[in-house]
Amino acid sequence: MHIGELAERTGLSLRTLRHYDDVGLVSASARTEGGFRLYTQDDYDRLILIRRMKPLGFSLEEMAELLRVIDAMDTAPDDDTRAILDGFITDAAKRRAKLQQQLAMADEFVSLLEARR
């Protein structure tokens, strides 16, 4: 698929997709003769994973590391790779809990404001 379709399907901007390509996070699998980026379903899946990491505050470097770990798990998993993946799972769970706490505080704030109507 072309970059425009990928942007629409992932909800990411063209600028973001180009940036991810420039930094080597997710590169187009191919290019047309005219130089246009072409993406596969695997590229889409990787971008969806990245998109899920963004609200949890993972850095581009952390995203790249997780993608390397996932690639290693798909090809030649070992104990070190599993341990790194376990670390990501633990970290993601902690970040999610923090967001959940912030959301609860935001709900409480809205309720306080609504009570003043």
PDB file of N, CA and C in Angstrom:
ATOM      1  N   MET A   1       0.839  -1.184   0.000  1.00  0.00           N
ATOM      2  CA  MET A   1       0.000   0.000   0.000  1.00  0.00           C
ATOM      3  C   MET A   1       0.881   1.242   0.000  1.00  0.00           C
ATOM      4  N   HIS A   2       0.354   2.294  -0.535  1.00  0.00           N
ATOM      5  CA  HIS A   2       1.083   3.565  -0.566  1.00  0.00           C
ATOM      6  C   HIS A   2       0.982   4.247   0.791  1.00  0.00           C
ATOM      7  N   ILE A   3       1.825   5.230   0.999  1.00  0.00           N
ATOM      8  CA  ILE A   3       1.924   5.905   2.282  1.00  0.00           C
ATOM      9  C   ILE A   3       0.606   6.567   2.693  1.00  0.00           C
ATOM     10  N   GLY A   4      -0.136   7.100   1.739  1.00  0.00           N
ATOM     11  CA  GLY A   4      -1.413   7.745   2.058  1.00  0.00           C
ATOM     12  C   GLY A   4      -2.419   6.760   2.632  1.00  0.00           C
ATOM     13  N   GLU A   5      -2.486   5.588   2.045  1.00  0.00           N
ATOM     14  CA  GLU A   5      -3.391   4.554   2.550  1.00  0.00           C
ATOM     15  C   GLU A   5      -2.947   4.089   3.944  1.00  0.00           C
ATOM     16  N   LEU A   6      -1.639   3.937   4.106  1.00  0.00           N
ATOM     17  CA  LEU A   6      -1.103   3.520   5.396  1.00  0.00           C
ATOM     18  C   LEU A   6      -1.410   4.567   6.467  1.00  0.00           C
ATOM     19  N   ALA A   7      -1.253   5.828   6.122  1.00  0.00           N
ATOM     20  CA  ALA A   7      -1.561   6.906   7.067  1.00  0.00           C
ATOM     21  C   ALA A   7      -3.029   6.846   7.472  1.00  0.00           C
ATOM     22  N   GLU A   8      -3.898   6.644   6.511  1.00  0.00           N
ATOM     23  CA  GLU A   8      -5.325   6.577   6.799  1.00  0.00           C
ATOM     24  C   GLU A   8      -5.650   5.375   7.682  1.00  0.00           C
ATOM     25  N   ARG A   9      -5.068   4.239   7.384  1.00  0.00           N
ATOM     26  CA  ARG A   9      -5.355   3.011   8.143  1.00  0.00           C
ATOM     27  C   ARG A   9      -4.783   3.051   9.560  1.00  0.00           C
ATOM     28  N   THR A  10      -3.649   3.690   9.745  1.00  0.00           N
ATOM     29  CA  THR A  10      -3.013   3.705  11.069  1.00  0.00           C
ATOM     30  C   THR A  10      -3.413   4.911  11.907  1.00  0.00           C
ATOM     31  N   GLY A  11      -3.917   5.953  11.259  1.00  0.00           N
ATOM     32  CA  GLY A  11      -4.234   7.176  11.982  1.00  0.00           C
ATOM     33  C   GLY A  11      -3.003   8.025  12.258  1.00  0.00           C
ATOM     34  N   LEU A  12      -1.888   7.687  11.615  1.00  0.00           N
ATOM     35  CA  LEU A  12      -0.653   8.464  11.762  1.00  0.00           C
ATOM     36  C   LEU A  12      -0.529   9.417  10.583  1.00  0.00           C
ATOM     37  N   SER A  13       0.121  10.523  10.788  1.00  0.00           N
ATOM     38  CA  SER A  13       0.279  11.506   9.719  1.00  0.00           C
ATOM     39  C   SER A  13       1.363  11.061   8.737  1.00  0.00           C
ATOM     40  N   LEU A  14       1.310  11.628   7.543  1.00  0.00           N
ATOM     41  CA  LEU A  14       2.354  11.359   6.547  1.00  0.00           C
ATOM     42  C   LEU A  14       3.709  11.784   7.094  1.00  0.00           C
ATOM     43  N   ARG A  15       3.721  12.905   7.772  1.00  0.00           N
ATOM     44  CA  ARG A  15       4.977  13.407   8.350  1.00  0.00           C
ATOM     45  C   ARG A  15       5.562  12.406   9.352  1.00  0.00           C
ATOM     46  N   THR A  16       4.707  11.858  10.209  1.00  0.00           N
ATOM     47  CA  THR A  16       5.162  10.871  11.191  1.00  0.00           C
ATOM     48  C   THR A  16       5.703   9.631  10.500  1.00  0.00           C
ATOM     49  N   LEU A  17       4.990   9.144   9.497  1.00  0.00           N
ATOM     50  CA  LEU A  17       5.446   7.950   8.773  1.00  0.00           C
ATOM     51  C   LEU A  17       6.785   8.197   8.096  1.00  0.00           C
ATOM     52  N   ARG A  18       6.947   9.361   7.511  1.00  0.00           N
ATOM     53  CA  ARG A  18       8.228   9.690   6.877  1.00  0.00           C
ATOM     54  C   ARG A  18       9.340   9.795   7.916  1.00  0.00           C
ATOM     55  N   HIS A  19       9.017  10.364   9.066  1.00  0.00           N
ATOM     56  CA  HIS A  19      10.006  10.484  10.147  1.00  0.00           C
ATOM     57  C   HIS A  19      10.429   9.098  10.631  1.00  0.00           C
ATOM     58  N   TYR A  20       9.462   8.218  10.830  1.00  0.00           N
ATOM     59  CA  TYR A  20       9.787   6.853  11.259  1.00  0.00           C
ATOM     60  C   TYR A  20      10.679   6.162  10.230  1.00  0.00           C
ATOM     61  N   ASP A  21      10.439   6.426   8.973  1.00  0.00           N
ATOM     62  CA  ASP A  21      11.278   5.866   7.914  1.00  0.00           C
ATOM     63  C   ASP A  21      12.687   6.465   7.984  1.00  0.00           C
ATOM     64  N   ASP A  22      12.758   7.776   8.151  1.00  0.00           N
ATOM     65  CA  ASP A  22      14.057   8.461   8.211  1.00  0.00           C
ATOM     66  C   ASP A  22      14.928   7.977   9.369  1.00  0.00           C
ATOM     67  N   VAL A  23      14.294   7.703  10.522  1.00  0.00           N
ATOM     68  CA  VAL A  23      15.061   7.262  11.687  1.00  0.00           C
ATOM     69  C   VAL A  23      15.224   5.742  11.737  1.00  0.00           C
ATOM     70  N   GLY A  24      14.653   5.050  10.754  1.00  0.00           N
ATOM     71  CA  GLY A  24      14.823   3.603  10.669  1.00  0.00           C
ATOM     72  C   GLY A  24      13.915   2.801  11.575  1.00  0.00           C
ATOM     73  N   LEU A  25      12.875   3.422  12.083  1.00  0.00           N
ATOM     74  CA  LEU A  25      11.954   2.704  12.960  1.00  0.00           C
ATOM     75  C   LEU A  25      11.104   1.718  12.164  1.00  0.00           C
ATOM     76  N   VAL A  26      10.439   2.217  11.151  1.00  0.00           N
ATOM     77  CA  VAL A  26       9.694   1.366  10.215  1.00  0.00           C
ATOM     78  C   VAL A  26       9.921   1.943   8.830  1.00  0.00           C
ATOM     79  N   SER A  27      10.632   1.189   8.032  1.00  0.00           N
ATOM     80  CA  SER A  27      10.920   1.634   6.670  1.00  0.00           C
ATOM     81  C   SER A  27       9.974   0.961   5.690  1.00  0.00           C
ATOM     82  N   ALA A  28       9.733   1.634   4.606  1.00  0.00           N
ATOM     83  CA  ALA A  28       8.917   1.043   3.550  1.00  0.00           C
ATOM     84  C   ALA A  28       9.589  -0.232   3.063  1.00  0.00           C
ATOM     85  N   SER A  29       8.784  -1.239   2.793  1.00  0.00           N
ATOM     86  CA  SER A  29       9.328  -2.519   2.329  1.00  0.00           C
ATOM     87  C   SER A  29       9.858  -2.434   0.903  1.00  0.00           C
ATOM     88  N   ALA A  30       9.323  -1.493   0.159  1.00  0.00           N
ATOM     89  CA  ALA A  30       9.750  -1.341  -1.234  1.00  0.00           C
ATOM     90  C   ALA A  30       9.452   0.075  -1.694  1.00  0.00           C
ATOM     91  N   ARG A  31       9.894   0.357  -2.890  1.00  0.00           N
ATOM     92  CA  ARG A  31       9.588   1.640  -3.524  1.00  0.00           C
ATOM     93  C   ARG A  31       9.192   1.373  -4.973  1.00  0.00           C
ATOM     94  N   THR A  32       8.335   2.232  -5.468  1.00  0.00           N
ATOM     95  CA  THR A  32       7.957   2.121  -6.875  1.00  0.00           C
ATOM     96  C   THR A  32       9.097   2.646  -7.729  1.00  0.00           C
ATOM     97  N   GLU A  33       8.996   2.467  -9.023  1.00  0.00           N
ATOM     98  CA  GLU A  33      10.015   3.002  -9.930  1.00  0.00           C
ATOM     99  C   GLU A  33      10.121   4.514  -9.796  1.00  0.00           C
ATOM    100  N   GLY A  34       9.013   5.138  -9.427  1.00  0.00           N
ATOM    101  CA  GLY A  34       9.001   6.585  -9.236  1.00  0.00           C
ATOM    102  C   GLY A  34       9.490   7.022  -7.868  1.00  0.00           C
ATOM    103  N   GLY A  35       9.852   6.070  -7.008  1.00  0.00           N
ATOM    104  CA  GLY A  35      10.395   6.393  -5.698  1.00  0.00           C
ATOM    105  C   GLY A  35       9.371   6.484  -4.574  1.00  0.00           C
ATOM    106  N   PHE A  36       8.121   6.153  -4.862  1.00  0.00           N
ATOM    107  CA  PHE A  36       7.094   6.213  -3.827  1.00  0.00           C
ATOM    108  C   PHE A  36       7.217   5.014  -2.897  1.00  0.00           C
ATOM    109  N   ARG A  37       7.023   5.269  -1.606  1.00  0.00           N
ATOM    110  CA  ARG A  37       7.126   4.208  -0.610  1.00  0.00           C
ATOM    111  C   ARG A  37       5.970   3.224  -0.748  1.00  0.00           C
ATOM    112  N   LEU A  38       6.289   1.943  -0.574  1.00  0.00           N
ATOM    113  CA  LEU A  38       5.272   0.896  -0.557  1.00  0.00           C
ATOM    114  C   LEU A  38       5.401   0.116   0.740  1.00  0.00           C
ATOM    115  N   TYR A  39       4.256  -0.118   1.376  1.00  0.00           N
ATOM    116  CA  TYR A  39       4.238  -0.787   2.668  1.00  0.00           C
ATOM    117  C   TYR A  39       3.432  -2.079   2.587  1.00  0.00           C
ATOM    118  N   THR A  40       3.791  -3.033   3.439  1.00  0.00           N
ATOM    119  CA  THR A  40       3.119  -4.327   3.498  1.00  0.00           C
ATOM    120  C   THR A  40       2.249  -4.409   4.752  1.00  0.00           C
ATOM    121  N   GLN A  41       1.546  -5.515   4.881  1.00  0.00           N
ATOM    122  CA  GLN A  41       0.759  -5.764   6.092  1.00  0.00           C
ATOM    123  C   GLN A  41       1.673  -5.832   7.312  1.00  0.00           C
ATOM    124  N   ASP A  42       2.856  -6.420   7.160  1.00  0.00           N
ATOM    125  CA  ASP A  42       3.809  -6.471   8.282  1.00  0.00           C
ATOM    126  C   ASP A  42       4.228  -5.071   8.717  1.00  0.00           C
ATOM    127  N   ASP A  43       4.439  -4.177   7.752  1.00  0.00           N
ATOM    128  CA  ASP A  43       4.771  -2.787   8.083  1.00  0.00           C
ATOM    129  C   ASP A  43       3.616  -2.147   8.855  1.00  0.00           C
ATOM    130  N   TYR A  44       2.415  -2.401   8.402  1.00  0.00           N
ATOM    131  CA  TYR A  44       1.226  -1.879   9.080  1.00  0.00           C
ATOM    132  C   TYR A  44       1.175  -2.389  10.524  1.00  0.00           C
ATOM    133  N   ASP A  45       1.390  -3.688  10.701  1.00  0.00           N
ATOM    134  CA  ASP A  45       1.342  -4.289  12.036  1.00  0.00           C
ATOM    135  C   ASP A  45       2.376  -3.660  12.964  1.00  0.00           C
ATOM    136  N   ARG A  46       3.568  -3.407  12.441  1.00  0.00           N
ATOM    137  CA  ARG A  46       4.617  -2.772  13.248  1.00  0.00           C
ATOM    138  C   ARG A  46       4.214  -1.354  13.639  1.00  0.00           C
ATOM    139  N   LEU A  47       3.609  -0.639  12.718  1.00  0.00           N
ATOM    140  CA  LEU A  47       3.176   0.727  13.013  1.00  0.00           C
ATOM    141  C   LEU A  47       2.056   0.759  14.053  1.00  0.00           C
ATOM    142  N   ILE A  48       1.178  -0.223  13.993  1.00  0.00           N
ATOM    143  CA  ILE A  48       0.110  -0.293  14.991  1.00  0.00           C
ATOM    144  C   ILE A  48       0.713  -0.545  16.370  1.00  0.00           C
ATOM    145  N   LEU A  49       1.716  -1.398  16.443  1.00  0.00           N
ATOM    146  CA  LEU A  49       2.405  -1.642  17.709  1.00  0.00           C
ATOM    147  C   LEU A  49       3.029  -0.341  18.233  1.00  0.00           C
ATOM    148  N   ILE A  50       3.687   0.382  17.353  1.00  0.00           N
ATOM    149  CA  ILE A  50       4.300   1.658  17.727  1.00  0.00           C
ATOM    150  C   ILE A  50       3.231   2.644  18.201  1.00  0.00           C
ATOM    151  N   ARG A  51       2.123   2.673  17.469  1.00  0.00           N
ATOM    152  CA  ARG A  51       1.042   3.587  17.839  1.00  0.00           C
ATOM    153  C   ARG A  51       0.499   3.266  19.233  1.00  0.00           C
ATOM    154  N   ARG A  52       0.503   2.011  19.585  1.00  0.00           N
ATOM    155  CA  ARG A  52       0.045   1.602  20.914  1.00  0.00           C
ATOM    156  C   ARG A  52       1.057   1.990  21.999  1.00  0.00           C
ATOM    157  N   MET A  53       2.316   2.143  21.633  1.00  0.00           N
ATOM    158  CA  MET A  53       3.351   2.521  22.595  1.00  0.00           C
ATOM    159  C   MET A  53       3.354   4.022  22.880  1.00  0.00           C
ATOM    160  N   LYS A  54       2.918   4.818  21.901  1.00  0.00           N
ATOM    161  CA  LYS A  54       3.000   6.271  22.028  1.00  0.00           C
ATOM    162  C   LYS A  54       2.279   6.823  23.254  1.00  0.00           C
ATOM    163  N   PRO A  55       1.039   6.409  23.528  1.00  0.00           N
ATOM    164  CA  PRO A  55       0.358   6.974  24.700  1.00  0.00           C
ATOM    165  C   PRO A  55       1.018   6.592  26.026  1.00  0.00           C
ATOM    166  N   LEU A  56       1.809   5.537  26.001  1.00  0.00           N
ATOM    167  CA  LEU A  56       2.497   5.108  27.213  1.00  0.00           C
ATOM    168  C   LEU A  56       3.826   5.823  27.398  1.00  0.00           C
ATOM    169  N   GLY A  57       4.173   6.692  26.457  1.00  0.00           N
ATOM    170  CA  GLY A  57       5.364   7.521  26.600  1.00  0.00           C
ATOM    171  C   GLY A  57       6.676   6.838  26.259  1.00  0.00           C
ATOM    172  N   PHE A  58       6.638   5.754  25.504  1.00  0.00           N
ATOM    173  CA  PHE A  58       7.886   5.111  25.097  1.00  0.00           C
ATOM    174  C   PHE A  58       8.615   5.997  24.085  1.00  0.00           C
ATOM    175  N   SER A  59       9.926   6.059  24.201  1.00  0.00           N
ATOM    176  CA  SER A  59      10.746   6.862  23.285  1.00  0.00           C
ATOM    177  C   SER A  59      10.936   6.110  21.975  1.00  0.00           C
ATOM    178  N   LEU A  60      11.410   6.825  20.962  1.00  0.00           N
ATOM    179  CA  LEU A  60      11.706   6.180  19.680  1.00  0.00           C
ATOM    180  C   LEU A  60      12.749   5.076  19.857  1.00  0.00           C
ATOM    181  N   GLU A  61      13.715   5.318  20.731  1.00  0.00           N
ATOM    182  CA  GLU A  61      14.756   4.311  20.976  1.00  0.00           C
ATOM    183  C   GLU A  61      14.156   3.067  21.621  1.00  0.00           C
ATOM    184  N   GLU A  62      13.248   3.261  22.558  1.00  0.00           N
ATOM    185  CA  GLU A  62      12.588   2.121  23.196  1.00  0.00           C
ATOM    186  C   GLU A  62      11.721   1.367  22.196  1.00  0.00           C
ATOM    187  N   MET A  63      11.044   2.115  21.330  1.00  0.00           N
ATOM    188  CA  MET A  63      10.230   1.477  20.301  1.00  0.00           C
ATOM    189  C   MET A  63      11.099   0.617  19.387  1.00  0.00           C
ATOM    190  N   ALA A  64      12.228   1.175  18.973  1.00  0.00           N
ATOM    191  CA  ALA A  64      13.141   0.439  18.094  1.00  0.00           C
ATOM    192  C   ALA A  64      13.661  -0.817  18.792  1.00  0.00           C
ATOM    193  N   GLU A  65      13.984  -0.704  20.066  1.00  0.00           N
ATOM    194  CA  GLU A  65      14.474  -1.859  20.827  1.00  0.00           C
ATOM    195  C   GLU A  65      13.400  -2.937  20.910  1.00  0.00           C
ATOM    196  N   LEU A  66      12.165  -2.548  21.174  1.00  0.00           N
ATOM    197  CA  LEU A  66      11.093  -3.537  21.243  1.00  0.00           C
ATOM    198  C   LEU A  66      10.901  -4.225  19.891  1.00  0.00           C
ATOM    199  N   LEU A  67      10.979  -3.466  18.816  1.00  0.00           N
ATOM    200  CA  LEU A  67      10.853  -4.087  17.488  1.00  0.00           C
ATOM    201  C   LEU A  67      11.979  -5.088  17.249  1.00  0.00           C
ATOM    202  N   ARG A  68      13.195  -4.769  17.703  1.00  0.00           N
ATOM    203  CA  ARG A  68      14.313  -5.720  17.575  1.00  0.00           C
ATOM    204  C   ARG A  68      14.036  -6.987  18.383  1.00  0.00           C
ATOM    205  N   VAL A  69      13.504  -6.804  19.579  1.00  0.00           N
ATOM    206  CA  VAL A  69      13.181  -7.947  20.431  1.00  0.00           C
ATOM    207  C   VAL A  69      12.108  -8.817  19.775  1.00  0.00           C
ATOM    208  N   ILE A  70      11.089  -8.183  19.253  1.00  0.00           N
ATOM    209  CA  ILE A  70      10.015  -8.937  18.596  1.00  0.00           C
ATOM    210  C   ILE A  70      10.550  -9.699  17.388  1.00  0.00           C
ATOM    211  N   ASP A  71      11.415  -9.045  16.617  1.00  0.00           N
ATOM    212  CA  ASP A  71      12.025  -9.733  15.473  1.00  0.00           C
ATOM    213  C   ASP A  71      12.834 -10.940  15.937  1.00  0.00           C
ATOM    214  N   ALA A  72      13.579 -10.768  17.029  1.00  0.00           N
ATOM    215  CA  ALA A  72      14.380 -11.872  17.564  1.00  0.00           C
ATOM    216  C   ALA A  72      13.479 -12.992  18.085  1.00  0.00           C
ATOM    217  N   MET A  73      12.375 -12.640  18.704  1.00  0.00           N
ATOM    218  CA  MET A  73      11.443 -13.653  19.206  1.00  0.00           C
ATOM    219  C   MET A  73      10.834 -14.444  18.049  1.00  0.00           C
ATOM    220  N   ASP A  74      10.648 -13.785  16.916  1.00  0.00           N
ATOM    221  CA  ASP A  74      10.078 -14.464  15.746  1.00  0.00           C
ATOM    222  C   ASP A  74      11.082 -15.374  15.058  1.00  0.00           C
ATOM    223  N   THR A  75      12.378 -15.060  15.189  1.00  0.00           N
ATOM    224  CA  THR A  75      13.381 -15.836  14.453  1.00  0.00           C
ATOM    225  C   THR A  75      14.178 -16.795  15.334  1.00  0.00           C
ATOM    226  N   ALA A  76      14.717 -16.308  16.437  1.00  0.00           N
ATOM    227  CA  ALA A  76      15.566 -17.152  17.287  1.00  0.00           C
ATOM    228  C   ALA A  76      15.470 -16.712  18.738  1.00  0.00           C
ATOM    229  N   PRO A  77      14.338 -17.009  19.388  1.00  0.00           N
ATOM    230  CA  PRO A  77      14.186 -16.562  20.767  1.00  0.00           C
ATOM    231  C   PRO A  77      15.169 -17.267  21.700  1.00  0.00           C
ATOM    232  N   ASP A  78      15.700 -16.508  22.646  1.00  0.00           N
ATOM    233  CA  ASP A  78      16.565 -17.080  23.670  1.00  0.00           C
ATOM    234  C   ASP A  78      16.174 -16.472  25.014  1.00  0.00           C
ATOM    235  N   ASP A  79      16.824 -16.919  26.073  1.00  0.00           N
ATOM    236  CA  ASP A  79      16.460 -16.450  27.416  1.00  0.00           C
ATOM    237  C   ASP A  79      16.677 -14.950  27.587  1.00  0.00           C
ATOM    238  N   ASP A  80      17.749 -14.416  27.009  1.00  0.00           N
ATOM    239  CA  ASP A  80      18.017 -12.976  27.118  1.00  0.00           C
ATOM    240  C   ASP A  80      16.923 -12.166  26.444  1.00  0.00           C
ATOM    241  N   THR A  81      16.514 -12.607  25.270  1.00  0.00           N
ATOM    242  CA  THR A  81      15.468 -11.904  24.524  1.00  0.00           C
ATOM    243  C   THR A  81      14.147 -11.973  25.283  1.00  0.00           C
ATOM    244  N   ARG A  82      13.838 -13.130  25.827  1.00  0.00           N
ATOM    245  CA  ARG A  82      12.612 -13.265  26.620  1.00  0.00           C
ATOM    246  C   ARG A  82      12.648 -12.349  27.843  1.00  0.00           C
ATOM    247  N   ALA A  83      13.797 -12.238  28.463  1.00  0.00           N
ATOM    248  CA  ALA A  83      13.937 -11.372  29.640  1.00  0.00           C
ATOM    249  C   ALA A  83      13.711  -9.907  29.264  1.00  0.00           C
ATOM    250  N   ILE A  84      14.241  -9.510  28.133  1.00  0.00           N
ATOM    251  CA  ILE A  84      14.041  -8.122  27.681  1.00  0.00           C
ATOM    252  C   ILE A  84      12.561  -7.889  27.394  1.00  0.00           C
ATOM    253  N   LEU A  85      11.912  -8.856  26.731  1.00  0.00           N
ATOM    254  CA  LEU A  85      10.479  -8.737  26.455  1.00  0.00           C
ATOM    255  C   LEU A  85       9.693  -8.668  27.758  1.00  0.00           C
ATOM    256  N   ASP A  86      10.058  -9.484  28.732  1.00  0.00           N
ATOM    257  CA  ASP A  86       9.394  -9.428  30.036  1.00  0.00           C
ATOM    258  C   ASP A  86       9.543  -8.049  30.665  1.00  0.00           C
ATOM    259  N   GLY A  87      10.720  -7.445  30.506  1.00  0.00           N
ATOM    260  CA  GLY A  87      10.939  -6.094  31.012  1.00  0.00           C
ATOM    261  C   GLY A  87      10.016  -5.083  30.354  1.00  0.00           C
ATOM    262  N   PHE A  88       9.827  -5.217  29.043  1.00  0.00           N
ATOM    263  CA  PHE A  88       8.904  -4.325  28.335  1.00  0.00           C
ATOM    264  C   PHE A  88       7.477  -4.521  28.832  1.00  0.00           C
ATOM    265  N   ILE A  89       7.100  -5.766  29.058  1.00  0.00           N
ATOM    266  CA  ILE A  89       5.746  -6.042  29.542  1.00  0.00           C
ATOM    267  C   ILE A  89       5.533  -5.405  30.914  1.00  0.00           C
ATOM    268  N   THR A  90       6.487  -5.568  31.799  1.00  0.00           N
ATOM    269  CA  THR A  90       6.398  -4.980  33.138  1.00  0.00           C
ATOM    270  C   THR A  90       6.334  -3.459  33.057  1.00  0.00           C
ATOM    271  N   ASP A  91       7.206  -2.881  32.240  1.00  0.00           N
ATOM    272  CA  ASP A  91       7.239  -1.426  32.086  1.00  0.00           C
ATOM    273  C   ASP A  91       5.923  -0.911  31.513  1.00  0.00           C
ATOM    274  N   ALA A  92       5.398  -1.589  30.494  1.00  0.00           N
ATOM    275  CA  ALA A  92       4.134  -1.169  29.879  1.00  0.00           C
ATOM    276  C   ALA A  92       2.993  -1.248  30.886  1.00  0.00           C
ATOM    277  N   ALA A  93       2.984  -2.281  31.711  1.00  0.00           N
ATOM    278  CA  ALA A  93       1.933  -2.417  32.723  1.00  0.00           C
ATOM    279  C   ALA A  93       2.011  -1.276  33.741  1.00  0.00           C
ATOM    280  N   LYS A  94       3.215  -0.905  34.148  1.00  0.00           N
ATOM    281  CA  LYS A  94       3.381   0.211  35.086  1.00  0.00           C
ATOM    282  C   LYS A  94       2.916   1.519  34.464  1.00  0.00           C
ATOM    283  N   ARG A  95       3.296   1.727  33.216  1.00  0.00           N
ATOM    284  CA  ARG A  95       2.888   2.959  32.527  1.00  0.00           C
ATOM    285  C   ARG A  95       1.376   3.007  32.360  1.00  0.00           C
ATOM    286  N   ARG A  96       0.766   1.857  32.069  1.00  0.00           N
ATOM    287  CA  ARG A  96      -0.682   1.797  31.920  1.00  0.00           C
ATOM    288  C   ARG A  96      -1.360   2.129  33.246  1.00  0.00           C
ATOM    289  N   ALA A  97      -0.838   1.584  34.337  1.00  0.00           N
ATOM    290  CA  ALA A  97      -1.412   1.858  35.652  1.00  0.00           C
ATOM    291  C   ALA A  97      -1.337   3.351  35.973  1.00  0.00           C
ATOM    292  N   LYS A  98      -0.229   3.975  35.616  1.00  0.00           N
ATOM    293  CA  LYS A  98      -0.083   5.412  35.848  1.00  0.00           C
ATOM    294  C   LYS A  98      -1.109   6.197  35.032  1.00  0.00           C
ATOM    295  N   LEU A  99      -1.298   5.812  33.783  1.00  0.00           N
ATOM    296  CA  LEU A  99      -2.303   6.480  32.947  1.00  0.00           C
ATOM    297  C   LEU A  99      -3.704   6.276  33.510  1.00  0.00           C
ATOM    298  N   GLN A 100      -3.950   5.074  33.999  1.00  0.00           N
ATOM    299  CA  GLN A 100      -5.255   4.787  34.578  1.00  0.00           C
ATOM    300  C   GLN A 100      -5.501   5.669  35.797  1.00  0.00           C
ATOM    301  N   GLN A 101      -4.475   5.871  36.588  1.00  0.00           N
ATOM    302  CA  GLN A 101      -4.569   6.735  37.757  1.00  0.00           C
ATOM    303  C   GLN A 101      -4.832   8.186  37.336  1.00  0.00           C
ATOM    304  N   GLN A 102      -4.130   8.624  36.304  1.00  0.00           N
ATOM    305  CA  GLN A 102      -4.332   9.987  35.805  1.00  0.00           C
ATOM    306  C   GLN A 102      -5.739  10.159  35.256  1.00  0.00           C
ATOM    307  N   LEU A 103      -6.241   9.140  34.567  1.00  0.00           N
ATOM    308  CA  LEU A 103      -7.599   9.195  34.031  1.00  0.00           C
ATOM    309  C   LEU A 103      -8.616   9.270  35.163  1.00  0.00           C
ATOM    310  N   ALA A 104      -8.404   8.535  36.235  1.00  0.00           N
ATOM    311  CA  ALA A 104      -9.302   8.598  37.388  1.00  0.00           C
ATOM    312  C   ALA A 104      -9.308  10.007  37.984  1.00  0.00           C
ATOM    313  N   MET A 105      -8.134  10.619  38.064  1.00  0.00           N
ATOM    314  CA  MET A 105      -8.064  11.991  38.581  1.00  0.00           C
ATOM    315  C   MET A 105      -8.771  12.959  37.637  1.00  0.00           C
ATOM    316  N   ALA A 106      -8.635  12.743  36.344  1.00  0.00           N
ATOM    317  CA  ALA A 106      -9.311  13.602  35.373  1.00  0.00           C
ATOM    318  C   ALA A 106     -10.824  13.445  35.493  1.00  0.00           C
ATOM    319  N   ASP A 107     -11.298  12.219  35.683  1.00  0.00           N
ATOM    320  CA  ASP A 107     -12.734  11.984  35.873  1.00  0.00           C
ATOM    321  C   ASP A 107     -13.237  12.690  37.132  1.00  0.00           C
ATOM    322  N   GLU A 108     -12.436  12.612  38.188  1.00  0.00           N
ATOM    323  CA  GLU A 108     -12.802  13.276  39.435  1.00  0.00           C
ATOM    324  C   GLU A 108     -12.866  14.789  39.239  1.00  0.00           C
ATOM    325  N   PHE A 109     -11.911  15.340  38.495  1.00  0.00           N
ATOM    326  CA  PHE A 109     -11.886  16.770  38.211  1.00  0.00           C
ATOM    327  C   PHE A 109     -13.134  17.194  37.443  1.00  0.00           C
ATOM    328  N   VAL A 110     -13.493  16.437  36.426  1.00  0.00           N
ATOM    329  CA  VAL A 110     -14.698  16.751  35.642  1.00  0.00           C
ATOM    330  C   VAL A 110     -15.924  16.703  36.526  1.00  0.00           C
ATOM    331  N   SER A 111     -15.999  15.708  37.392  1.00  0.00           N
ATOM    332  CA  SER A 111     -17.133  15.600  38.308  1.00  0.00           C
ATOM    333  C   SER A 111     -17.222  16.797  39.244  1.00  0.00           C
ATOM    334  N   LEU A 112     -16.070  17.239  39.749  1.00  0.00           N
ATOM    335  CA  LEU A 112     -16.045  18.412  40.621  1.00  0.00           C
ATOM    336  C   LEU A 112     -16.558  19.646  39.888  1.00  0.00           C
ATOM    337  N   LEU A 113     -16.141  19.801  38.652  1.00  0.00           N
ATOM    338  CA  LEU A 113     -16.600  20.952  37.862  1.00  0.00           C
ATOM    339  C   LEU A 113     -18.099  20.862  37.574  1.00  0.00           C
ATOM    340  N   GLU A 114     -18.536  19.684  37.216  1.00  0.00           N
ATOM    341  CA  GLU A 114     -19.967  19.503  36.898  1.00  0.00           C
ATOM    342  C   GLU A 114     -20.833  19.751  38.138  1.00  0.00           C
ATOM    343  N   ALA A 115     -20.312  19.451  39.322  1.00  0.00           N
ATOM    344  CA  ALA A 115     -21.066  19.662  40.563  1.00  0.00           C
ATOM    345  C   ALA A 115     -21.273  21.159  40.835  1.00  0.00           C
ATOM    346  N   ARG A 116     -20.471  21.998  40.215  1.00  0.00           N
ATOM    347  CA  ARG A 116     -20.572  23.442  40.417  1.00  0.00           C
ATOM    348  C   ARG A 116     -21.570  24.103  39.463  1.00  0.00           C
ATOM    349  N   ARG A 117     -22.164  23.351  38.599  1.00  0.00           N
ATOM    350  CA  ARG A 117     -23.116  23.929  37.628  1.00  0.00           C
ATOM    351  C   ARG A 117     -24.300  24.534  38.305  1.00  0.00           C
TER     352      ARG A 117
END
